[in-house]
Amino acid sequence: QLQLVESGGGLVQPGGSLRLSCAASGFTLDDYALGWFRQAPGKEREGVSYISRGAGSPNYADSVKGRFTISRDNAKNTVYLQMNSLKPEDTAVYFCAADPIPPDEVPSLRPENWESWGQGTQVTVSS
């Protein structure tokens, strides 16, 4: 059974860094596109970044470009989100997601297009 488990969240000061991890089990990571999403209190879930299957082309929401980096380690069946220069508006529950999108299709940052989800990890950016 496909399972995604996030970790690495916490409290960090503005300008600080965190690295989120998402450990996958029950499927082969390389056969799936992988994404990170977030949901702040009172707001809808939004796409942060995704990395395509295979060659792994990344894409980012404009709000995190230049600050966040997504990566995957297929040998460890883990996807990461390195977050630098964090801002208070980055505060949210962060979720990883996986979808078996065919390799010739482009993933989306729209949450409704993703099949499987983790339980989320809280990130709080505050002084």
Foldseek 3Di string as FASTA:
>chain_A
DWAKAKDWADEAAAQAKIKMKIAIDDDQLLQKKKFKWWDAPPGDIWTAKIFGHDVTDIDGDPVQPPFWDWDDDRVRRMIMIIGGRDDQVVWTWMKMFIASDDRVDDDDGPVVRTDDIHPTDTHGYHD
